[in-house]
Full PDB file with SEQRES, HELIX, SHEET, SSBOND, CRYST1, ORIGX, SCALE, CONECT and MASTER records, all heavy atoms in Angstrom:
SEQRES   1 A   42  LYS ILE GLY ILE ILE GLY ALA MET GLU SER GLU VAL SER          
SEQRES   2 A   42  THR LEU LYS GLU THR MET LYS ALA ASP GLN VAL ILE THR          
SEQRES   3 A   42  LYS ALA GLY MET ASN PHE TYR GLU GLY MET LEU GLU GLY          
SEQRES   4 A   42  THR PRO VAL                                                  
HELIX    1 AA1 GLU A    9  THR A   18  1                                  10    
SHEET    1 AA1 3 LYS A  20  LYS A  27  0                                        
SHEET    2 AA1 3 MET A  30  LEU A  37 -1                                        
SHEET    3 AA1 3 THR A  40  PRO A  41 -1                                        
CRYST1    1.000    1.000    1.000  90.00  90.00  90.00 P 1           1          
ORIGX1      1.000000  0.000000  0.000000        0.00000                         
ORIGX2      0.000000  1.000000  0.000000        0.00000                         
ORIGX3      0.000000  0.000000  1.000000        0.00000                         
SCALE1      1.000000  0.000000  0.000000        0.00000                         
SCALE2      0.000000  1.000000  0.000000        0.00000                         
SCALE3      0.000000  0.000000  1.000000        0.00000                         
ATOM      1  N   LYS A   1      21.975 -77.546  -1.896  1.00  0.00           N  
ATOM      2  CA  LYS A   1      22.750 -77.542  -0.661  1.00  0.00           C  
ATOM      3  C   LYS A   1      23.396 -78.915  -0.534  1.00  0.00           C  
ATOM      4  O   LYS A   1      22.704 -79.936  -0.500  1.00  0.00           O  
ATOM      5  CB  LYS A   1      21.868 -77.256   0.554  1.00  0.00           C  
ATOM      6  CG  LYS A   1      22.655 -77.109   1.856  1.00  0.00           C  
ATOM      7  CD  LYS A   1      21.738 -77.050   3.068  1.00  0.00           C  
ATOM      8  CE  LYS A   1      20.870 -75.820   3.070  1.00  0.00           C  
ATOM      9  NZ  LYS A   1      20.043 -75.758   4.322  1.00  0.00           N  
ATOM     10  N   ILE A   2      24.726 -78.938  -0.467  1.00  0.00           N  
ATOM     11  CA  ILE A   2      25.466 -80.203  -0.438  1.00  0.00           C  
ATOM     12  C   ILE A   2      25.861 -80.546   0.987  1.00  0.00           C  
ATOM     13  O   ILE A   2      26.501 -79.739   1.678  1.00  0.00           O  
ATOM     14  CB  ILE A   2      26.727 -80.123  -1.315  1.00  0.00           C  
ATOM     15  CG1 ILE A   2      26.372 -79.723  -2.754  1.00  0.00           C  
ATOM     16  CG2 ILE A   2      27.457 -81.469  -1.320  1.00  0.00           C  
ATOM     17  CD1 ILE A   2      27.588 -79.491  -3.638  1.00  0.00           C  
ATOM     18  N   GLY A   3      25.500 -81.723   1.433  1.00  0.00           N  
ATOM     19  CA  GLY A   3      25.977 -82.247   2.699  1.00  0.00           C  
ATOM     20  C   GLY A   3      27.298 -82.954   2.470  1.00  0.00           C  
ATOM     21  O   GLY A   3      27.378 -83.889   1.668  1.00  0.00           O  
ATOM     22  N   ILE A   4      28.353 -82.509   3.150  1.00  0.00           N  
ATOM     23  CA  ILE A   4      29.696 -83.064   2.971  1.00  0.00           C  
ATOM     24  C   ILE A   4      30.103 -83.758   4.266  1.00  0.00           C  
ATOM     25  O   ILE A   4      30.227 -83.122   5.317  1.00  0.00           O  
ATOM     26  CB  ILE A   4      30.715 -81.978   2.612  1.00  0.00           C  
ATOM     27  CG1 ILE A   4      30.290 -81.254   1.327  1.00  0.00           C  
ATOM     28  CG2 ILE A   4      32.113 -82.579   2.463  1.00  0.00           C  
ATOM     29  CD1 ILE A   4      31.138 -80.044   0.986  1.00  0.00           C  
ATOM     30  N   ILE A   5      30.304 -85.059   4.178  1.00  0.00           N  
ATOM     31  CA  ILE A   5      30.572 -85.877   5.358  1.00  0.00           C  
ATOM     32  C   ILE A   5      31.981 -86.450   5.300  1.00  0.00           C  
ATOM     33  O   ILE A   5      32.396 -87.020   4.286  1.00  0.00           O  
ATOM     34  CB  ILE A   5      29.587 -87.061   5.451  1.00  0.00           C  
ATOM     35  CG1 ILE A   5      28.142 -86.576   5.449  1.00  0.00           C  
ATOM     36  CG2 ILE A   5      29.870 -87.906   6.688  1.00  0.00           C  
ATOM     37  CD1 ILE A   5      27.127 -87.702   5.307  1.00  0.00           C  
ATOM     38  N   GLY A   6      32.709 -86.318   6.402  1.00  0.00           N  
ATOM     39  CA  GLY A   6      33.967 -87.029   6.593  1.00  0.00           C  
ATOM     40  C   GLY A   6      33.894 -87.754   7.926  1.00  0.00           C  
ATOM     41  O   GLY A   6      33.316 -87.237   8.890  1.00  0.00           O  
ATOM     42  N   ALA A   7      34.467 -88.938   8.007  1.00  0.00           N  
ATOM     43  CA  ALA A   7      34.383 -89.701   9.252  1.00  0.00           C  
ATOM     44  C   ALA A   7      35.301 -89.137  10.328  1.00  0.00           C  
ATOM     45  O   ALA A   7      34.984 -89.189  11.512  1.00  0.00           O  
ATOM     46  CB  ALA A   7      34.724 -91.166   8.988  1.00  0.00           C  
ATOM     47  N   MET A   8      36.445 -88.592   9.904  1.00  0.00           N  
ATOM     48  CA  MET A   8      37.452 -88.125  10.851  1.00  0.00           C  
ATOM     49  C   MET A   8      37.729 -86.637  10.666  1.00  0.00           C  
ATOM     50  O   MET A   8      37.471 -86.079   9.595  1.00  0.00           O  
ATOM     51  CB  MET A   8      38.746 -88.922  10.673  1.00  0.00           C  
ATOM     52  CG  MET A   8      38.574 -90.418  10.886  1.00  0.00           C  
ATOM     53  SD  MET A   8      40.152 -91.306  10.756  1.00  0.00           S  
ATOM     54  CE  MET A   8      40.602 -90.950   9.064  1.00  0.00           C  
ATOM     55  N   GLU A   9      38.280 -86.019  11.688  1.00  0.00           N  
ATOM     56  CA  GLU A   9      38.546 -84.582  11.638  1.00  0.00           C  
ATOM     57  C   GLU A   9      39.506 -84.231  10.507  1.00  0.00           C  
ATOM     58  O   GLU A   9      39.367 -83.199   9.851  1.00  0.00           O  
ATOM     59  CB  GLU A   9      39.104 -84.102  12.976  1.00  0.00           C  
ATOM     60  CG  GLU A   9      39.272 -82.594  13.085  1.00  0.00           C  
ATOM     61  CD  GLU A   9      37.959 -81.839  12.934  1.00  0.00           C  
ATOM     62  OE1 GLU A   9      36.886 -82.390  13.275  1.00  0.00           O  
ATOM     63  OE2 GLU A   9      38.011 -80.676  12.469  1.00  0.00           O  
ATOM     64  N   SER A  10      40.499 -85.098  10.265  1.00  0.00           N  
ATOM     65  CA  SER A  10      41.466 -84.819   9.206  1.00  0.00           C  
ATOM     66  C   SER A  10      40.810 -84.746   7.837  1.00  0.00           C  
ATOM     67  O   SER A  10      41.346 -84.121   6.909  1.00  0.00           O  
ATOM     68  CB  SER A  10      42.558 -85.897   9.189  1.00  0.00           C  
ATOM     69  OG  SER A  10      42.012 -87.172   8.884  1.00  0.00           O  
ATOM     70  N   GLU A  11      39.650 -85.366   7.693  1.00  0.00           N  
ATOM     71  CA  GLU A  11      38.961 -85.409   6.408  1.00  0.00           C  
ATOM     72  C   GLU A  11      38.092 -84.175   6.158  1.00  0.00           C  
ATOM     73  O   GLU A  11      37.662 -83.944   5.026  1.00  0.00           O  
ATOM     74  CB  GLU A  11      38.112 -86.683   6.320  1.00  0.00           C  
ATOM     75  CG  GLU A  11      38.944 -87.954   6.355  1.00  0.00           C  
ATOM     76  CD  GLU A  11      38.130 -89.213   6.557  1.00  0.00           C  
ATOM     77  OE1 GLU A  11      36.951 -89.123   6.951  1.00  0.00           O  
ATOM     78  OE2 GLU A  11      38.687 -90.299   6.340  1.00  0.00           O  
ATOM     79  N   VAL A  12      37.823 -83.389   7.187  1.00  0.00           N  
ATOM     80  CA  VAL A  12      36.961 -82.209   7.011  1.00  0.00           C  
ATOM     81  C   VAL A  12      37.592 -80.916   7.520  1.00  0.00           C  
ATOM     82  O   VAL A  12      37.036 -79.845   7.313  1.00  0.00           O  
ATOM     83  CB  VAL A  12      35.591 -82.404   7.707  1.00  0.00           C  
ATOM     84  CG1 VAL A  12      34.800 -83.528   7.047  1.00  0.00           C  
ATOM     85  CG2 VAL A  12      35.759 -82.658   9.194  1.00  0.00           C  
ATOM     86  N   SER A  13      38.747 -80.998   8.178  1.00  0.00           N  
ATOM     87  CA  SER A  13      39.321 -79.810   8.807  1.00  0.00           C  
ATOM     88  C   SER A  13      39.636 -78.721   7.788  1.00  0.00           C  
ATOM     89  O   SER A  13      39.343 -77.530   8.026  1.00  0.00           O  
ATOM     90  CB  SER A  13      40.584 -80.177   9.596  1.00  0.00           C  
ATOM     91  OG  SER A  13      41.552 -80.775   8.757  1.00  0.00           O  
ATOM     92  N   THR A  14      40.216 -79.085   6.647  1.00  0.00           N  
ATOM     93  CA  THR A  14      40.533 -78.093   5.616  1.00  0.00           C  
ATOM     94  C   THR A  14      39.270 -77.423   5.088  1.00  0.00           C  
ATOM     95  O   THR A  14      39.247 -76.207   4.848  1.00  0.00           O  
ATOM     96  CB  THR A  14      41.297 -78.747   4.451  1.00  0.00           C  
ATOM     97  OG1 THR A  14      42.528 -79.285   4.939  1.00  0.00           O  
ATOM     98  CG2 THR A  14      41.595 -77.743   3.345  1.00  0.00           C  
ATOM     99  N   LEU A  15      38.216 -78.195   4.919  1.00  0.00           N  
ATOM    100  CA  LEU A  15      36.954 -77.650   4.414  1.00  0.00           C  
ATOM    101  C   LEU A  15      36.356 -76.667   5.415  1.00  0.00           C  
ATOM    102  O   LEU A  15      35.883 -75.590   5.046  1.00  0.00           O  
ATOM    103  CB  LEU A  15      35.969 -78.777   4.125  1.00  0.00           C  
ATOM    104  CG  LEU A  15      36.450 -79.851   3.140  1.00  0.00           C  
ATOM    105  CD1 LEU A  15      35.387 -80.934   2.985  1.00  0.00           C  
ATOM    106  CD2 LEU A  15      36.784 -79.234   1.794  1.00  0.00           C  
ATOM    107  N   LYS A  16      36.399 -77.001   6.693  1.00  0.00           N  
ATOM    108  CA  LYS A  16      35.849 -76.109   7.722  1.00  0.00           C  
ATOM    109  C   LYS A  16      36.662 -74.819   7.829  1.00  0.00           C  
ATOM    110  O   LYS A  16      36.098 -73.744   8.076  1.00  0.00           O  
ATOM    111  CB  LYS A  16      35.798 -76.836   9.069  1.00  0.00           C  
ATOM    112  CG  LYS A  16      34.759 -77.959   9.106  1.00  0.00           C  
ATOM    113  CD  LYS A  16      34.469 -78.442  10.502  1.00  0.00           C  
ATOM    114  CE  LYS A  16      35.651 -79.049  11.171  1.00  0.00           C  
ATOM    115  NZ  LYS A  16      35.314 -79.657  12.482  1.00  0.00           N  
ATOM    116  N   GLU A  17      37.970 -74.930   7.634  1.00  0.00           N  
ATOM    117  CA  GLU A  17      38.818 -73.737   7.693  1.00  0.00           C  
ATOM    118  C   GLU A  17      38.583 -72.823   6.486  1.00  0.00           C  
ATOM    119  O   GLU A  17      38.724 -71.603   6.585  1.00  0.00           O  
ATOM    120  CB  GLU A  17      40.290 -74.155   7.734  1.00  0.00           C  
ATOM    121  CG  GLU A  17      40.700 -74.824   9.041  1.00  0.00           C  
ATOM    122  CD  GLU A  17      42.047 -75.517   8.933  1.00  0.00           C  
ATOM    123  OE1 GLU A  17      42.685 -75.398   7.849  1.00  0.00           O  
ATOM    124  OE2 GLU A  17      42.454 -76.187   9.896  1.00  0.00           O  
ATOM    125  N   THR A  18      38.209 -73.418   5.358  1.00  0.00           N  
ATOM    126  CA  THR A  18      38.041 -72.661   4.117  1.00  0.00           C  
ATOM    127  C   THR A  18      36.657 -72.034   4.001  1.00  0.00           C  
ATOM    128  O   THR A  18      36.503 -70.942   3.463  1.00  0.00           O  
ATOM    129  CB  THR A  18      38.276 -73.581   2.899  1.00  0.00           C  
ATOM    130  OG1 THR A  18      39.569 -74.196   3.023  1.00  0.00           O  
ATOM    131  CG2 THR A  18      38.219 -72.811   1.597  1.00  0.00           C  
ATOM    132  N   MET A  19      35.639 -72.695   4.515  1.00  0.00           N  
ATOM    133  CA  MET A  19      34.267 -72.247   4.327  1.00  0.00           C  
ATOM    134  C   MET A  19      33.929 -71.052   5.211  1.00  0.00           C  
ATOM    135  O   MET A  19      34.610 -70.779   6.213  1.00  0.00           O  
ATOM    136  CB  MET A  19      33.282 -73.383   4.617  1.00  0.00           C  
ATOM    137  CG  MET A  19      33.149 -73.735   6.094  1.00  0.00           C  
ATOM    138  SD  MET A  19      31.985 -75.099   6.410  1.00  0.00           S  
ATOM    139  CE  MET A  19      30.414 -74.350   5.966  1.00  0.00           C  
ATOM    140  N   LYS A  20      32.868 -70.359   4.842  1.00  0.00           N  
ATOM    141  CA  LYS A  20      32.300 -69.308   5.672  1.00  0.00           C  
ATOM    142  C   LYS A  20      31.068 -69.885   6.349  1.00  0.00           C  
ATOM    143  O   LYS A  20      30.026 -70.083   5.726  1.00  0.00           O  
ATOM    144  CB  LYS A  20      31.911 -68.092   4.829  1.00  0.00           C  
ATOM    145  CG  LYS A  20      31.289 -66.970   5.641  1.00  0.00           C  
ATOM    146  CD  LYS A  20      30.848 -65.810   4.757  1.00  0.00           C  
ATOM    147  CE  LYS A  20      30.175 -64.713   5.589  1.00  0.00           C  
ATOM    148  NZ  LYS A  20      29.687 -63.599   4.733  1.00  0.00           N  
ATOM    149  N   ALA A  21      31.194 -70.205   7.630  1.00  0.00           N  
ATOM    150  CA  ALA A  21      30.112 -70.863   8.359  1.00  0.00           C  
ATOM    151  C   ALA A  21      29.172 -69.825   8.970  1.00  0.00           C  
ATOM    152  O   ALA A  21      29.607 -68.924   9.689  1.00  0.00           O  
ATOM    153  CB  ALA A  21      30.671 -71.765   9.446  1.00  0.00           C  
ATOM    154  N   ASP A  22      27.882 -69.954   8.681  1.00  0.00           N  
ATOM    155  CA  ASP A  22      26.877 -69.068   9.251  1.00  0.00           C  
ATOM    156  C   ASP A  22      26.418 -69.546  10.624  1.00  0.00           C  
ATOM    157  O   ASP A  22      26.052 -68.750  11.479  1.00  0.00           O  
ATOM    158  CB  ASP A  22      25.669 -68.974   8.317  1.00  0.00           C  
ATOM    159  CG  ASP A  22      26.035 -68.373   6.969  1.00  0.00           C  
ATOM    160  OD1 ASP A  22      26.876 -67.468   6.940  1.00  0.00           O  
ATOM    161  OD2 ASP A  22      25.483 -68.832   5.946  1.00  0.00           O  
ATOM    162  N   GLN A  23      26.427 -70.864  10.805  1.00  0.00           N  
ATOM    163  CA  GLN A  23      26.012 -71.420  12.089  1.00  0.00           C  
ATOM    164  C   GLN A  23      26.595 -72.813  12.257  1.00  0.00           C  
ATOM    165  O   GLN A  23      26.935 -73.489  11.284  1.00  0.00           O  
ATOM    166  CB  GLN A  23      24.488 -71.476  12.202  1.00  0.00           C  
ATOM    167  CG  GLN A  23      23.806 -72.389  11.197  1.00  0.00           C  
ATOM    168  CD  GLN A  23      22.315 -72.500  11.439  1.00  0.00           C  
ATOM    169  OE1 GLN A  23      21.806 -72.154  12.512  1.00  0.00           O  
ATOM    170  NE2 GLN A  23      21.573 -73.017  10.454  1.00  0.00           N  
ATOM    171  N   VAL A  24      26.729 -73.212  13.517  1.00  0.00           N  
ATOM    172  CA  VAL A  24      27.170 -74.569  13.857  1.00  0.00           C  
ATOM    173  C   VAL A  24      26.121 -75.167  14.779  1.00  0.00           C  
ATOM    174  O   VAL A  24      25.831 -74.614  15.845  1.00  0.00           O  
ATOM    175  CB  VAL A  24      28.547 -74.567  14.555  1.00  0.00           C  
ATOM    176  CG1 VAL A  24      28.972 -75.998  14.865  1.00  0.00           C  
ATOM    177  CG2 VAL A  24      29.586 -73.865  13.703  1.00  0.00           C  
ATOM    178  N   ILE A  25      25.529 -76.257  14.366  1.00  0.00           N  
ATOM    179  CA  ILE A  25      24.484 -76.918  15.141  1.00  0.00           C  
ATOM    180  C   ILE A  25      24.984 -78.290  15.566  1.00  0.00           C  
ATOM    181  O   ILE A  25      25.507 -79.052  14.742  1.00  0.00           O  
ATOM    182  CB  ILE A  25      23.188 -77.059  14.318  1.00  0.00           C  
ATOM    183  CG1 ILE A  25      22.616 -75.674  13.992  1.00  0.00           C  
ATOM    184  CG2 ILE A  25      22.157 -77.919  15.053  1.00  0.00           C  
ATOM    185  CD1 ILE A  25      21.389 -75.712  13.104  1.00  0.00           C  
ATOM    186  N   THR A  26      24.852 -78.604  16.843  1.00  0.00           N  
ATOM    187  CA  THR A  26      25.265 -79.908  17.358  1.00  0.00           C  
ATOM    188  C   THR A  26      24.058 -80.822  17.497  1.00  0.00           C  
ATOM    189  O   THR A  26      23.062 -80.456  18.116  1.00  0.00           O  
ATOM    190  CB  THR A  26      25.967 -79.763  18.717  1.00  0.00           C  
ATOM    191  OG1 THR A  26      27.112 -78.906  18.567  1.00  0.00           O  
ATOM    192  CG2 THR A  26      26.437 -81.116  19.230  1.00  0.00           C  
ATOM    193  N   LYS A  27      24.168 -81.975  16.910  1.00  0.00           N  
ATOM    194  CA  LYS A  27      23.086 -82.960  16.947  1.00  0.00           C  
ATOM    195  C   LYS A  27      23.715 -84.346  16.987  1.00  0.00           C  
ATOM    196  O   LYS A  27      24.620 -84.636  16.214  1.00  0.00           O  
ATOM    197  CB  LYS A  27      22.210 -82.813  15.697  1.00  0.00           C  
ATOM    198  CG  LYS A  27      20.902 -83.574  15.729  1.00  0.00           C  
ATOM    199  CD  LYS A  27      19.851 -82.829  16.517  1.00  0.00           C  
ATOM    200  CE  LYS A  27      18.491 -83.501  16.354  1.00  0.00           C  
ATOM    201  NZ  LYS A  27      17.459 -82.871  17.196  1.00  0.00           N  
ATOM    202  N   ALA A  28      23.243 -85.191  17.898  1.00  0.00           N  
ATOM    203  CA  ALA A  28      23.747 -86.563  18.040  1.00  0.00           C  
ATOM    204  C   ALA A  28      25.271 -86.584  18.202  1.00  0.00           C  
ATOM    205  O   ALA A  28      25.955 -87.481  17.712  1.00  0.00           O  
ATOM    206  CB  ALA A  28      23.331 -87.419  16.840  1.00  0.00           C  
ATOM    207  N   GLY A  29      25.796 -85.583  18.898  1.00  0.00           N  
ATOM    208  CA  GLY A  29      27.226 -85.515  19.144  1.00  0.00           C  
ATOM    209  C   GLY A  29      28.053 -85.067  17.952  1.00  0.00           C  
ATOM    210  O   GLY A  29      29.283 -85.107  18.009  1.00  0.00           O  
ATOM    211  N   MET A  30      27.393 -84.631  16.875  1.00  0.00           N  
ATOM    212  CA  MET A  30      28.094 -84.187  15.667  1.00  0.00           C  
ATOM    213  C   MET A  30      27.888 -82.686  15.493  1.00  0.00           C  
ATOM    214  O   MET A  30      26.787 -82.180  15.716  1.00  0.00           O  
ATOM    215  CB  MET A  30      27.552 -84.922  14.437  1.00  0.00           C  
ATOM    216  CG  MET A  30      27.575 -86.427  14.527  1.00  0.00           C  
ATOM    217  SD  MET A  30      26.712 -87.193  13.125  1.00  0.00           S  
ATOM    218  CE  MET A  30      26.459 -88.857  13.770  1.00  0.00           C  
ATOM    219  N   ASN A  31      28.949 -81.993  15.072  1.00  0.00           N  
ATOM    220  CA  ASN A  31      28.870 -80.557  14.818  1.00  0.00           C  
ATOM    221  C   ASN A  31      28.681 -80.310  13.324  1.00  0.00           C  
ATOM    222  O   ASN A  31      29.554 -80.638  12.518  1.00  0.00           O  
ATOM    223  CB  ASN A  31      30.139 -79.858  15.301  1.00  0.00           C  
ATOM    224  CG  ASN A  31      30.305 -79.950  16.804  1.00  0.00           C  
ATOM    225  OD1 ASN A  31      29.329 -79.852  17.552  1.00  0.00           O  
ATOM    226  ND2 ASN A  31      31.530 -80.133  17.252  1.00  0.00           N  
ATOM    227  N   PHE A  32      27.546 -79.719  12.970  1.00  0.00           N  
ATOM    228  CA  PHE A  32      27.190 -79.466  11.582  1.00  0.00           C  
ATOM    229  C   PHE A  32      27.481 -77.995  11.274  1.00  0.00           C  
ATOM    230  O   PHE A  32      26.849 -77.095  11.837  1.00  0.00           O  
ATOM    231  CB  PHE A  32      25.720 -79.776  11.342  1.00  0.00           C  
ATOM    232  CG  PHE A  32      25.374 -81.239  11.474  1.00  0.00           C  
ATOM    233  CD1 PHE A  32      25.194 -81.815  12.728  1.00  0.00           C  
ATOM    234  CD2 PHE A  32      25.237 -82.041  10.352  1.00  0.00           C  
ATOM    235  CE1 PHE A  32      24.878 -83.163  12.860  1.00  0.00           C  
ATOM    236  CE2 PHE A  32      24.929 -83.380  10.470  1.00  0.00           C  
ATOM    237  CZ  PHE A  32      24.750 -83.950  11.728  1.00  0.00           C  
ATOM    238  N   TYR A  33      28.437 -77.751  10.376  1.00  0.00           N  
ATOM    239  CA  TYR A  33      28.837 -76.400   9.976  1.00  0.00           C  
ATOM    240  C   TYR A  33      28.084 -76.029   8.700  1.00  0.00           C  
ATOM    241  O   TYR A  33      28.354 -76.594   7.633  1.00  0.00           O  
ATOM    242  CB  TYR A  33      30.337 -76.337   9.731  1.00  0.00           C  
ATOM    243  CG  TYR A  33      31.174 -76.474  10.978  1.00  0.00           C  
ATOM    244  CD1 TYR A  33      31.304 -77.705  11.621  1.00  0.00           C  
ATOM    245  CD2 TYR A  33      31.835 -75.380  11.522  1.00  0.00           C  
ATOM    246  CE1 TYR A  33      32.070 -77.844  12.768  1.00  0.00           C  
ATOM    247  CE2 TYR A  33      32.603 -75.499  12.679  1.00  0.00           C  
ATOM    248  CZ  TYR A  33      32.707 -76.731  13.295  1.00  0.00           C  
ATOM    249  OH  TYR A  33      33.469 -76.861  14.436  1.00  0.00           O  
ATOM    250  N   GLU A  34      27.146 -75.104   8.802  1.00  0.00           N  
ATOM    251  CA  GLU A  34      26.352 -74.697   7.652  1.00  0.00           C  
ATOM    252  C   GLU A  34      26.821 -73.335   7.163  1.00  0.00           C  
ATOM    253  O   GLU A  34      26.994 -72.403   7.952  1.00  0.00           O  
ATOM    254  CB  GLU A  34      24.867 -74.631   8.011  1.00  0.00           C  
ATOM    255  CG  GLU A  34      23.985 -74.317   6.816  1.00  0.00           C  
ATOM    256  CD  GLU A  34      22.499 -74.377   7.146  1.00  0.00           C  
ATOM    257  OE1 GLU A  34      22.151 -74.270   8.347  1.00  0.00           O  
ATOM    258  OE2 GLU A  34      21.699 -74.556   6.217  1.00  0.00           O  
ATOM    259  N   GLY A  35      27.019 -73.229   5.859  1.00  0.00           N  
ATOM    260  CA  GLY A  35      27.472 -71.963   5.296  1.00  0.00           C  
ATOM    261  C   GLY A  35      27.786 -72.092   3.825  1.00  0.00           C  
ATOM    262  O   GLY A  35      27.133 -72.852   3.106  1.00  0.00           O  
ATOM    263  N   MET A  36      28.809 -71.369   3.368  1.00  0.00           N  
ATOM    264  CA  MET A  36      29.170 -71.325   1.954  1.00  0.00           C  
ATOM    265  C   MET A  36      30.592 -71.825   1.758  1.00  0.00           C  
ATOM    266  O   MET A  36      31.496 -71.493   2.528  1.00  0.00           O  
ATOM    267  CB  MET A  36      29.056 -69.897   1.424  1.00  0.00           C  
ATOM    268  CG  MET A  36      27.683 -69.260   1.597  1.00  0.00           C  
ATOM    269  SD  MET A  36      26.394 -70.060   0.603  1.00  0.00           S  
ATOM    270  CE  MET A  36      26.884 -69.519  -1.045  1.00  0.00           C  
ATOM    271  N   LEU A  37      30.765 -72.619   0.733  1.00  0.00           N  
ATOM    272  CA  LEU A  37      32.081 -73.128   0.355  1.00  0.00           C  
ATOM    273  C   LEU A  37      32.242 -72.931  -1.147  1.00  0.00           C  
ATOM    274  O   LEU A  37      31.476 -73.499  -1.937  1.00  0.00           O  
ATOM    275  CB  LEU A  37      32.212 -74.608   0.719  1.00  0.00           C  
ATOM    276  CG  LEU A  37      33.567 -75.276   0.472  1.00  0.00           C  
ATOM    277  CD1 LEU A  37      34.645 -74.662   1.353  1.00  0.00           C  
ATOM    278  CD2 LEU A  37      33.473 -76.780   0.733  1.00  0.00           C  
ATOM    279  N   GLU A  38      33.201 -72.097  -1.535  1.00  0.00           N  
ATOM    280  CA  GLU A  38      33.402 -71.789  -2.956  1.00  0.00           C  
ATOM    281  C   GLU A  38      32.107 -71.295  -3.612  1.00  0.00           C  
ATOM    282  O   GLU A  38      31.787 -71.644  -4.750  1.00  0.00           O  
ATOM    283  CB  GLU A  38      33.952 -73.011  -3.707  1.00  0.00           C  
ATOM    284  CG  GLU A  38      35.308 -73.486  -3.227  1.00  0.00           C  
ATOM    285  CD  GLU A  38      36.434 -72.515  -3.578  1.00  0.00           C  
ATOM    286  OE1 GLU A  38      36.221 -71.621  -4.415  1.00  0.00           O  
ATOM    287  OE2 GLU A  38      37.527 -72.643  -3.004  1.00  0.00           O  
ATOM    288  N   GLY A  39      31.334 -70.508  -2.864  1.00  0.00           N  
ATOM    289  CA  GLY A  39      30.098 -69.951  -3.395  1.00  0.00           C  
ATOM    290  C   GLY A  39      28.912 -70.888  -3.402  1.00  0.00           C  
ATOM    291  O   GLY A  39      27.850 -70.536  -3.922  1.00  0.00           O  
ATOM    292  N   THR A  40      29.063 -72.052  -2.807  1.00  0.00           N  
ATOM    293  CA  THR A  40      28.005 -73.067  -2.811  1.00  0.00           C  
ATOM    294  C   THR A  40      27.494 -73.309  -1.392  1.00  0.00           C  
ATOM    295  O   THR A  40      28.295 -73.464  -0.471  1.00  0.00           O  
ATOM    296  CB  THR A  40      28.541 -74.398  -3.388  1.00  0.00           C  
ATOM    297  OG1 THR A  40      29.036 -74.174  -4.711  1.00  0.00           O  
ATOM    298  CG2 THR A  40      27.457 -75.456  -3.429  1.00  0.00           C  
ATOM    299  N   PRO A  41      26.172 -73.370  -1.183  1.00  0.00           N  
ATOM    300  CA  PRO A  41      25.639 -73.702   0.137  1.00  0.00           C  
ATOM    301  C   PRO A  41      26.009 -75.141   0.521  1.00  0.00           C  
ATOM    302  O   PRO A  41      25.766 -76.080  -0.262  1.00  0.00           O  
ATOM    303  CB  PRO A  41      24.124 -73.554  -0.036  1.00  0.00           C  
ATOM    304  CG  PRO A  41      23.942 -72.724  -1.260  1.00  0.00           C  
ATOM    305  CD  PRO A  41      25.087 -73.064  -2.157  1.00  0.00           C  
ATOM    306  N   VAL A  42      26.591 -75.304   1.692  1.00  0.00           N  
ATOM    307  CA  VAL A  42      27.019 -76.628   2.140  1.00  0.00           C  
ATOM    308  C   VAL A  42      26.749 -76.792   3.630  1.00  0.00           C  
ATOM    309  O   VAL A  42      26.557 -75.823   4.360  1.00  0.00           O  
ATOM    310  CB  VAL A  42      28.531 -76.863   1.886  1.00  0.00           C  
ATOM    311  CG1 VAL A  42      28.869 -76.784   0.404  1.00  0.00           C  
ATOM    312  CG2 VAL A  42      29.385 -75.900   2.698  1.00  0.00           C  
TER     313      VAL A  42                                                      
MASTER        0    0    0    1    3    0    0    6  312    1    0    4          
END                                                                             
């Protein structure tokens, strides 16, 4: 399972739009999108 971090929205927006998110968990003011990206758990 790969954790993919970007500091700004522009750095992760394409990834979030492409992935299939199973859940979104908010912790410490950050939204963690967990799911599959190109067949890989991320």
